Structures are given as C-alpha cells and as structure tokens.
Amino acid sequence: MQKEILKSIENIEIYPIISLLVFVLFFVGMGIWVFRVDRKYIDHMKSLPMDEKPKTNNSHE
C-alpha cells in the first residue's frame, strides 16, 4: 500500500537528495564552525557547568 502511494506522488525522488544535501551542509557548517571558533569561547563554555555563581562578564553571549 505504501509503495503505491509513494509511486503516485510526482517527483518524490528529489526528497532523499534534498535531505542528504541538508545533512551534508549542516555537517560541513558545524565542522567549519568548530575549527574557526575562538578558544576563549570554548574555555568559557567548558567551565560553565562547574561554576557555582554566574560570571558578570557577558562578552560571549
């Protein structure tokens, strides 16, 4: 039944290509962000779970 429904939709073959393209673009974008992010920002985010009181420095928001 599902095969007949999917066969009846015109241009259905484009959706897997679009979803793969979105996944690849997101993965590449996150890779670029990881390599370009400032080291101070990483250290600040790394120390957040261990801080008992919030810092007043809001330069990374």
N, C-alpha and C. Protein backbone atom coordinates (compact mmCIF):
# COMPACT_ATOMS: atom_id res chain seq x y z
N MET A 1 0.82 -1.19 0.00
CA MET A 1 0.00 0.00 0.00
C MET A 1 0.87 1.26 0.00
N GLN A 2 1.92 1.28 0.84
CA GLN A 2 2.76 2.46 0.90
C GLN A 2 3.52 2.68 -0.39
N LYS A 3 3.91 1.60 -1.05
CA LYS A 3 4.64 1.73 -2.31
C LYS A 3 3.77 2.37 -3.37
N GLU A 4 2.49 2.01 -3.42
CA GLU A 4 1.59 2.60 -4.40
C GLU A 4 1.37 4.08 -4.14
N ILE A 5 1.29 4.44 -2.85
CA ILE A 5 1.10 5.85 -2.50
C ILE A 5 2.34 6.65 -2.90
N LEU A 6 3.52 6.13 -2.58
CA LEU A 6 4.75 6.84 -2.91
C LEU A 6 4.98 6.91 -4.42
N LYS A 7 4.58 5.89 -5.15
CA LYS A 7 4.72 5.91 -6.60
C LYS A 7 3.78 6.92 -7.25
N SER A 8 2.66 7.19 -6.59
CA SER A 8 1.68 8.11 -7.17
C SER A 8 2.09 9.58 -7.00
N ILE A 9 3.03 9.86 -6.11
CA ILE A 9 3.47 11.24 -5.89
C ILE A 9 4.51 11.59 -6.95
N GLU A 10 4.28 12.69 -7.64
CA GLU A 10 5.21 13.11 -8.68
C GLU A 10 6.47 13.71 -8.06
N ASN A 11 7.59 13.45 -8.66
CA ASN A 11 8.91 13.99 -8.25
C ASN A 11 9.27 13.63 -6.81
N ILE A 12 8.87 12.46 -6.34
CA ILE A 12 9.19 12.03 -4.98
C ILE A 12 10.68 11.72 -4.83
N GLU A 13 11.36 11.43 -5.92
CA GLU A 13 12.77 11.03 -5.84
C GLU A 13 13.69 12.17 -5.43
N ILE A 14 13.19 13.40 -5.45
CA ILE A 14 14.02 14.56 -5.09
C ILE A 14 14.17 14.70 -3.57
N TYR A 15 13.22 14.18 -2.77
CA TYR A 15 13.26 14.36 -1.33
C TYR A 15 14.45 13.68 -0.65
N PRO A 16 14.84 12.48 -1.01
CA PRO A 16 16.06 11.91 -0.40
C PRO A 16 17.32 12.71 -0.74
N ILE A 17 17.36 13.26 -1.93
CA ILE A 17 18.52 14.07 -2.34
C ILE A 17 18.57 15.35 -1.52
N ILE A 18 17.40 15.98 -1.32
CA ILE A 18 17.35 17.21 -0.54
C ILE A 18 17.73 16.94 0.91
N SER A 19 17.23 15.85 1.49
CA SER A 19 17.56 15.55 2.88
C SER A 19 19.05 15.25 3.06
N LEU A 20 19.65 14.55 2.10
CA LEU A 20 21.09 14.30 2.16
C LEU A 20 21.88 15.60 2.03
N LEU A 21 21.44 16.48 1.16
CA LEU A 21 22.10 17.77 0.99
C LEU A 21 22.02 18.61 2.26
N VAL A 22 20.87 18.63 2.92
CA VAL A 22 20.72 19.37 4.17
C VAL A 22 21.65 18.79 5.24
N PHE A 23 21.71 17.47 5.34
CA PHE A 23 22.59 16.84 6.32
C PHE A 23 24.06 17.18 6.06
N VAL A 24 24.48 17.08 4.83
CA VAL A 24 25.89 17.35 4.48
C VAL A 24 26.22 18.81 4.74
N LEU A 25 25.33 19.73 4.36
CA LEU A 25 25.59 21.15 4.59
C LEU A 25 25.68 21.47 6.08
N PHE A 26 24.80 20.86 6.88
CA PHE A 26 24.86 21.07 8.33
C PHE A 26 26.17 20.53 8.90
N PHE A 27 26.57 19.32 8.49
CA PHE A 27 27.79 18.70 8.98
C PHE A 27 29.01 19.53 8.60
N VAL A 28 29.07 19.99 7.38
CA VAL A 28 30.20 20.82 6.92
C VAL A 28 30.20 22.16 7.66
N GLY A 29 29.03 22.75 7.82
CA GLY A 29 28.93 24.02 8.55
C GLY A 29 29.39 23.91 9.98
N MET A 30 29.00 22.83 10.66
CA MET A 30 29.45 22.63 12.03
C MET A 30 30.95 22.37 12.09
N GLY A 31 31.49 21.66 11.11
CA GLY A 31 32.93 21.43 11.06
C GLY A 31 33.70 22.73 10.89
N ILE A 32 33.21 23.59 10.02
CA ILE A 32 33.86 24.89 9.82
C ILE A 32 33.77 25.72 11.09
N TRP A 33 32.61 25.70 11.76
CA TRP A 33 32.45 26.47 13.00
C TRP A 33 33.41 25.96 14.07
N VAL A 34 33.56 24.65 14.19
CA VAL A 34 34.43 24.07 15.22
C VAL A 34 35.88 24.50 15.01
N PHE A 35 36.32 24.55 13.77
CA PHE A 35 37.71 24.92 13.52
C PHE A 35 37.94 26.43 13.60
N ARG A 36 36.90 27.25 13.48
CA ARG A 36 37.08 28.69 13.49
C ARG A 36 36.70 29.36 14.80
N VAL A 37 36.08 28.64 15.73
CA VAL A 37 35.61 29.25 16.97
C VAL A 37 36.79 29.68 17.84
N ASP A 38 36.58 30.74 18.59
CA ASP A 38 37.61 31.30 19.46
C ASP A 38 37.87 30.37 20.65
N ARG A 39 39.12 30.20 20.99
CA ARG A 39 39.49 29.30 22.09
C ARG A 39 38.95 29.81 23.43
N LYS A 40 38.85 31.12 23.61
CA LYS A 40 38.30 31.68 24.85
C LYS A 40 36.84 31.28 25.03
N TYR A 41 36.10 31.26 23.95
CA TYR A 41 34.70 30.86 23.99
C TYR A 41 34.58 29.39 24.42
N ILE A 42 35.43 28.53 23.89
CA ILE A 42 35.41 27.11 24.26
C ILE A 42 35.74 26.94 25.74
N ASP A 43 36.75 27.65 26.23
CA ASP A 43 37.12 27.55 27.64
C ASP A 43 36.01 28.07 28.54
N HIS A 44 35.35 29.14 28.11
CA HIS A 44 34.25 29.71 28.89
C HIS A 44 33.09 28.70 28.98
N MET A 45 32.71 28.11 27.87
CA MET A 45 31.62 27.14 27.85
C MET A 45 31.98 25.87 28.61
N LYS A 46 33.26 25.50 28.57
CA LYS A 46 33.72 24.29 29.26
C LYS A 46 33.63 24.47 30.77
N SER A 47 33.85 25.68 31.27
CA SER A 47 33.84 25.91 32.70
C SER A 47 32.45 26.22 33.26
N LEU A 48 31.46 26.42 32.44
CA LEU A 48 30.13 26.78 32.92
C LEU A 48 29.50 25.74 33.85
N PRO A 49 29.54 24.46 33.55
CA PRO A 49 28.88 23.51 34.46
C PRO A 49 29.50 23.47 35.85
N MET A 50 30.75 23.86 36.02
CA MET A 50 31.40 23.79 37.31
C MET A 50 31.31 25.09 38.10
N ASP A 51 30.88 26.18 37.47
CA ASP A 51 30.76 27.45 38.16
C ASP A 51 29.60 27.41 39.14
N GLU A 52 29.87 27.88 40.37
CA GLU A 52 28.80 27.94 41.36
C GLU A 52 28.02 29.24 41.27
N LYS A 53 28.68 30.31 40.89
CA LYS A 53 27.99 31.58 40.74
C LYS A 53 28.18 32.06 39.30
N PRO A 54 27.19 32.70 38.74
CA PRO A 54 27.33 33.18 37.34
C PRO A 54 28.32 34.33 37.25
N LYS A 55 29.05 34.33 36.14
CA LYS A 55 30.01 35.41 35.92
C LYS A 55 29.26 36.65 35.42
N THR A 56 29.82 37.81 35.70
CA THR A 56 29.19 39.05 35.25
C THR A 56 29.68 39.44 33.86
N ASN A 57 30.69 38.77 33.35
CA ASN A 57 31.23 39.06 32.03
C ASN A 57 30.31 38.42 30.98
N ASN A 58 29.61 39.23 30.22
CA ASN A 58 28.67 38.74 29.21
C ASN A 58 29.20 38.91 27.79
N SER A 59 30.50 38.83 27.62
CA SER A 59 31.08 39.08 26.31
C SER A 59 30.86 37.93 25.34
N HIS A 60 30.45 36.75 25.82
CA HIS A 60 30.29 35.59 24.94
C HIS A 60 28.84 35.28 24.65
N GLU A 61 27.92 36.18 24.92
CA GLU A 61 26.51 35.91 24.67
C GLU A 61 26.08 36.46 23.35
